Amino acid sequence: MEGCLDDQFVIRIMKDKLSSKPCRNQGFVLDGFPKTYEQAKELFNADEDEPEDTRSKLPPFNKKIIPEFVLSLNATDAFLKNRVLNLPESAVEGTHYTQDQFPRRLATFRENNVEDETVLNYFVELEIHIDHIEITSSDDMEYLIVMEKIKEVVGDARNYGLTSEELEEEERRKADERLKAVATEKAEIERKEANEAASRVARWEEWSKRMEEINKLEQELLEAQTVPLRNYLMKNVMPTLTQGLIECCKTKPDDPIDFLAEYLLRNNPQV
């Protein structure tokens, strides 16, 4: 990145990133930049609109992005060169860790970080404690020891979680999702109830239609079965019975049943 952009652009990008909410709330780790005293000074220098603390004897710096811990991993040039030589080609390909480039870059780093002008001097001036960790081996056990030393300095990994604004936004999002879920469930229930009601109405109409057809068939069957009986009564019973009823109404006897019975016996056409 340094070989592609001027320091001023790199520093501007880094400042914007370090000032972002994730970095300010969850922390950050800087590795490989800044490489020099001047880069560190430009990166962490106080903003123009930040009020200056006249009581402090320290150089002005940006309190919002200044690192809380500074770790210096120290190794000899011989160790570093030997480590690069033993890297697999897949890890070296496309990087500056080749046999030709790495020694030149290491020499440039040493030239830019003489005893009184290293990037560490900047943090010393700000009275930020620097923890020096010596690297003497590249085996896994050595790396575990180094990680334990780092944990002793910075403590266990911490997850600061979301900011209050992000938590509020998350709560609003969840509340909206719950409201949408409730509305969707309510709409689904109403749709099912409407479908069931329509189905009940359709079944009732179909049942009523069938019952009407059944009643009609029963009525037609009953009428068909009673025609011979009606004809029989109309021919053999109703004429004499009707005349007897008329005579009973005219006479108005004390015992109309007995009168009607005697009338039918006297006027029986079969006798």
Protein backbone atom coordinates (compact mmCIF):
# COMPACT_ATOMS: atom_id res chain seq x y z
CA MET A 1 0.00 0.00 0.00
CA GLU A 2 2.87 2.35 0.84
CA GLY A 3 4.46 1.69 -2.54
CA CYS A 4 1.26 2.65 -4.36
CA LEU A 5 0.13 5.77 -2.49
CA ASP A 6 1.86 8.76 -0.94
CA ASP A 7 1.95 8.92 2.85
CA GLN A 8 -0.59 11.75 2.92
CA PHE A 9 -3.23 9.60 1.23
CA VAL A 10 -2.45 6.54 3.35
CA ILE A 11 -2.62 8.63 6.53
CA ARG A 12 -5.92 10.20 5.48
CA ILE A 13 -7.43 6.77 4.80
CA MET A 14 -6.10 5.40 8.09
CA LYS A 15 -7.44 8.37 10.07
CA ASP A 16 -10.90 7.96 8.57
CA LYS A 17 -10.89 4.25 9.37
CA LEU A 18 -9.63 4.69 12.94
CA SER A 19 -12.29 7.37 13.52
CA SER A 20 -15.08 5.04 12.41
CA LYS A 21 -17.55 3.65 14.94
CA PRO A 22 -16.34 0.02 14.72
CA CYS A 23 -12.74 1.04 15.50
CA ARG A 24 -13.71 3.47 18.26
CA ASN A 25 -16.11 1.05 19.94
CA GLN A 26 -14.54 -2.34 19.29
CA GLY A 27 -10.87 -1.43 18.99
CA PHE A 28 -8.26 -1.99 16.30
CA VAL A 29 -4.83 -3.50 15.69
CA LEU A 30 -2.21 -1.68 13.59
CA ASP A 31 0.46 -3.88 12.02
CA GLY A 32 3.12 -2.56 9.65
CA PHE A 33 1.97 1.06 9.69
CA PRO A 34 3.12 3.59 10.75
CA LYS A 35 6.71 2.59 10.01
CA THR A 36 8.46 5.86 10.88
CA TYR A 37 8.35 8.59 13.49
CA GLU A 38 6.99 11.12 10.99
CA GLN A 39 4.22 8.77 9.83
CA ALA A 40 3.14 8.18 13.44
CA LYS A 41 3.19 11.90 14.18
CA GLU A 42 1.07 12.72 11.12
CA LEU A 43 -1.36 9.88 11.79
CA PHE A 44 -2.02 10.56 15.47
CA ASN A 45 -1.53 14.33 15.50
CA ALA A 46 -4.43 16.28 17.01
CA ASP A 47 -7.08 17.61 14.62
CA GLU A 48 -7.19 21.34 14.02
CA ASP A 49 -10.65 21.66 15.60
CA GLU A 50 -9.65 19.68 18.71
CA PRO A 51 -9.11 21.99 21.74
CA GLU A 52 -5.52 22.04 22.97
CA ASP A 53 -4.82 21.12 26.59
CA THR A 54 -2.56 23.97 27.72
CA ARG A 55 -1.88 22.27 31.06
CA SER A 56 -0.35 19.18 29.45
CA LYS A 57 3.37 19.06 28.70
CA LEU A 58 2.85 16.32 26.12
CA PRO A 59 2.81 17.04 22.38
CA PRO A 60 -0.74 17.42 21.02
CA PHE A 61 -2.28 14.15 19.81
CA ASN A 62 -5.67 12.79 18.80
CA LYS A 63 -7.06 11.19 21.96
CA LYS A 64 -9.84 9.49 20.00
CA ILE A 65 -7.57 7.26 17.91
CA ILE A 66 -4.32 7.00 19.86
CA PRO A 67 -3.50 3.32 20.64
CA GLU A 68 -4.01 2.09 24.19
CA PHE A 69 -1.20 -0.49 23.94
CA VAL A 70 2.02 -0.48 21.91
CA LEU A 71 3.86 -3.75 21.36
CA SER A 72 7.28 -4.04 19.74
CA LEU A 73 8.24 -7.45 18.36
CA ASN A 74 12.04 -7.48 18.14
CA ALA A 75 14.14 -9.91 16.12
CA THR A 76 17.65 -9.91 14.69
CA ASP A 77 18.29 -9.36 10.99
CA ALA A 78 19.77 -12.84 10.72
CA PHE A 79 16.64 -14.40 12.19
CA LEU A 80 14.34 -12.40 9.89
CA LYS A 81 16.34 -13.26 6.76
CA ASN A 82 16.46 -16.93 7.70
CA ARG A 83 12.70 -16.94 8.35
CA VAL A 84 11.99 -15.44 4.92
CA LEU A 85 14.29 -17.96 3.22
CA ASN A 86 12.31 -20.82 4.80
CA LEU A 87 8.87 -19.53 3.79
CA PRO A 88 7.06 -21.71 1.21
CA GLU A 89 6.78 -20.30 -2.30
CA SER A 90 2.99 -20.10 -2.00
CA ALA A 91 3.40 -17.67 0.92
CA VAL A 92 6.11 -15.60 -0.80
CA GLU A 93 4.52 -15.32 -4.24
CA GLY A 94 3.19 -11.83 -4.92
CA THR A 95 4.77 -10.32 -1.77
CA HIS A 96 7.97 -8.44 -0.91
CA TYR A 97 9.41 -11.42 0.97
CA THR A 98 11.64 -12.62 -1.86
CA GLN A 99 15.37 -13.20 -1.46
CA ASP A 100 16.10 -10.09 -3.54
CA GLN A 101 13.55 -7.63 -2.16
CA PHE A 102 13.44 -8.45 1.55
CA PRO A 103 17.08 -7.56 2.41
CA ARG A 104 16.68 -4.18 0.69
CA ARG A 105 13.41 -3.46 2.50
CA LEU A 106 14.93 -4.51 5.82
CA ALA A 107 17.91 -2.21 5.25
CA THR A 108 15.56 0.67 4.40
CA PHE A 109 13.57 0.04 7.57
CA ARG A 110 16.73 0.11 9.70
CA GLU A 111 17.86 3.35 8.05
CA ASN A 112 14.50 5.02 8.70
CA ASN A 113 14.43 3.86 12.31
CA VAL A 114 17.71 4.90 13.86
CA GLU A 115 17.97 4.96 17.63
CA ASP A 116 16.44 8.41 18.21
CA GLU A 117 13.97 8.46 15.32
CA THR A 118 12.05 5.19 15.51
CA VAL A 119 8.29 5.00 15.43
CA LEU A 120 8.48 3.93 19.06
CA ASN A 121 10.00 7.27 20.06
CA TYR A 122 6.75 8.98 19.17
CA PHE A 123 4.83 6.91 21.73
CA VAL A 124 7.61 7.39 24.29
CA GLU A 125 7.15 11.16 23.95
CA LEU A 126 3.44 10.67 24.70
CA GLU A 127 4.39 8.63 27.78
CA ILE A 128 2.70 5.52 26.40
CA HIS A 129 4.35 2.39 27.76
CA ILE A 130 5.92 0.11 25.15
CA ASP A 131 6.14 -3.62 25.73
CA HIS A 132 9.11 -5.22 23.98
CA ILE A 133 8.82 -8.89 23.06
CA GLU A 134 11.83 -10.75 21.72
CA ILE A 135 11.27 -13.24 18.89
CA THR A 136 14.00 -15.87 18.69
CA SER A 137 12.28 -18.85 17.10
CA SER A 138 9.66 -19.47 14.43
CA ASP A 139 8.23 -22.71 15.79
CA ASP A 140 4.62 -22.98 16.96
CA MET A 141 5.54 -23.21 20.65
CA GLU A 142 7.38 -19.90 20.44
CA TYR A 143 4.34 -18.28 18.84
CA LEU A 144 2.12 -19.58 21.64
CA ILE A 145 4.48 -18.07 24.21
CA VAL A 146 4.40 -14.74 22.36
CA MET A 147 0.59 -14.79 22.28
CA GLU A 148 0.50 -15.46 26.03
CA LYS A 149 2.79 -12.47 26.61
CA ILE A 150 0.53 -10.28 24.50
CA LYS A 151 -2.53 -11.48 26.44
CA GLU A 152 -0.76 -10.56 29.68
CA VAL A 153 -0.41 -7.01 28.37
CA VAL A 154 -3.77 -6.36 26.71
CA GLY A 155 -5.88 -8.95 28.52
CA ASP A 156 -8.32 -11.45 27.03
CA ALA A 157 -10.15 -10.64 23.83
CA ARG A 158 -13.02 -8.24 24.43
CA ASN A 159 -16.13 -7.79 22.39
CA TYR A 160 -17.52 -4.36 23.10
CA GLY A 161 -20.64 -5.14 21.15
CA LEU A 162 -22.77 -2.61 19.33
CA THR A 163 -22.97 1.10 20.09
CA SER A 164 -26.08 2.56 21.69
CA GLU A 165 -27.15 3.94 18.31
CA GLU A 166 -26.60 0.55 16.68
CA LEU A 167 -28.49 -1.17 19.51
CA GLU A 168 -31.42 1.22 19.05
CA GLU A 169 -31.36 0.61 15.32
CA GLU A 170 -31.25 -3.16 15.92
CA GLU A 171 -34.18 -2.91 18.35
CA ARG A 172 -36.16 -0.88 15.82
CA ARG A 173 -35.36 -3.42 13.13
CA LYS A 174 -36.46 -6.31 15.36
CA ALA A 175 -39.62 -4.40 16.38
CA ASP A 176 -40.44 -3.78 12.72
CA GLU A 177 -39.87 -7.45 11.96
CA ARG A 178 -42.14 -8.46 14.86
CA LEU A 179 -44.86 -6.06 13.66
CA LYS A 180 -44.56 -7.40 10.13
CA ALA A 181 -44.69 -10.98 11.44
CA VAL A 182 -47.80 -10.20 13.53
CA ALA A 183 -49.46 -8.44 10.59
CA THR A 184 -48.59 -11.34 8.28
CA GLU A 185 -49.91 -13.88 10.80
CA LYS A 186 -53.10 -11.85 11.31
CA ALA A 187 -53.63 -11.55 7.56
CA GLU A 188 -53.07 -15.30 7.18
CA ILE A 189 -55.59 -16.05 9.95
CA GLU A 190 -58.14 -13.70 8.37
CA ARG A 191 -57.55 -15.30 4.98
CA LYS A 192 -58.07 -18.79 6.42
CA GLU A 193 -61.21 -17.67 8.29
CA ALA A 194 -62.59 -16.07 5.12
CA ASN A 195 -61.86 -19.23 3.14
CA GLU A 196 -63.48 -21.40 5.82
CA ALA A 197 -66.54 -19.12 5.95
CA ALA A 198 -66.86 -19.21 2.17
CA SER A 199 -66.45 -22.99 2.26
CA ARG A 200 -69.16 -23.30 4.94
CA VAL A 201 -71.55 -21.13 2.90
CA ALA A 202 -70.85 -23.19 -0.20
CA ARG A 203 -71.41 -26.46 1.70
CA TRP A 204 -74.63 -25.10 3.24
CA GLU A 205 -75.95 -24.02 -0.15
CA GLU A 206 -75.07 -27.40 -1.65
CA TRP A 207 -76.72 -29.23 1.28
CA SER A 208 -79.85 -27.03 1.03
CA LYS A 209 -80.06 -27.68 -2.69
CA ARG A 210 -79.75 -31.42 -2.17
CA MET A 211 -82.38 -31.40 0.61
CA GLU A 212 -84.73 -29.45 -1.65
CA GLU A 213 -84.27 -32.00 -4.40
CA ILE A 214 -84.79 -34.88 -1.93
CA ASN A 215 -87.98 -33.30 -0.55
CA LYS A 216 -89.24 -32.76 -4.07
CA LEU A 217 -88.56 -36.39 -4.98
CA GLU A 218 -90.25 -37.60 -1.79
CA GLN A 219 -93.28 -35.40 -2.48
CA GLU A 220 -93.55 -36.67 -6.03
CA LEU A 221 -93.20 -40.27 -4.81
CA LEU A 222 -95.83 -39.72 -2.13
CA GLU A 223 -98.23 -38.17 -4.60
CA ALA A 224 -97.66 -41.02 -7.02
CA GLN A 225 -98.38 -43.55 -4.28
CA THR A 226 -101.58 -41.78 -3.08
CA VAL A 227 -103.25 -41.37 -6.49
CA PRO A 228 -104.90 -44.85 -6.45
CA LEU A 229 -106.09 -44.31 -2.89
CA ARG A 230 -107.58 -40.92 -3.73
CA ASN A 231 -109.28 -42.33 -6.78
CA TYR A 232 -110.71 -45.18 -4.73
CA LEU A 233 -112.02 -42.85 -2.03
CA MET A 234 -113.41 -40.36 -4.53
CA LYS A 235 -115.27 -43.10 -6.36
CA ASN A 236 -116.57 -45.32 -3.55
CA VAL A 237 -116.61 -43.28 -0.33
CA MET A 238 -116.66 -39.55 -0.88
CA PRO A 239 -120.01 -39.23 -2.72
CA THR A 240 -122.04 -41.03 0.00
CA LEU A 241 -119.96 -39.52 2.84
CA THR A 242 -120.34 -36.02 1.44
CA GLN A 243 -124.11 -36.41 1.11
CA GLY A 244 -124.30 -37.80 4.67
CA LEU A 245 -122.37 -34.82 6.02
CA ILE A 246 -124.73 -32.46 4.22
CA GLU A 247 -127.78 -34.20 5.75
CA CYS A 248 -126.13 -34.16 9.18
CA CYS A 249 -125.62 -30.42 8.90
CA LYS A 250 -129.24 -29.91 7.88
CA THR A 251 -130.71 -32.11 10.64
CA LYS A 252 -128.26 -31.25 13.40
CA PRO A 253 -128.91 -34.39 15.47
CA ASP A 254 -127.90 -34.75 19.12
CA ASP A 255 -125.51 -37.58 18.17
CA PRO A 256 -124.02 -36.66 14.78
CA ILE A 257 -121.70 -39.68 14.69
CA ASP A 258 -124.54 -42.11 15.20
CA PHE A 259 -126.67 -40.21 12.68
CA LEU A 260 -123.88 -40.34 10.08
CA ALA A 261 -123.31 -44.06 10.70
CA GLU A 262 -127.00 -44.88 10.23
CA TYR A 263 -127.11 -42.70 7.10
CA LEU A 264 -124.17 -44.55 5.56
CA LEU A 265 -125.77 -47.91 6.35
CA ARG A 266 -129.09 -46.89 4.82
CA ASN A 267 -127.54 -45.36 1.71
CA ASN A 268 -124.69 -47.84 1.08
CA PRO A 269 -124.65 -48.27 -2.71
CA GLN A 270 -123.22 -51.76 -2.33
CA VAL A 271 -126.31 -53.05 -0.45
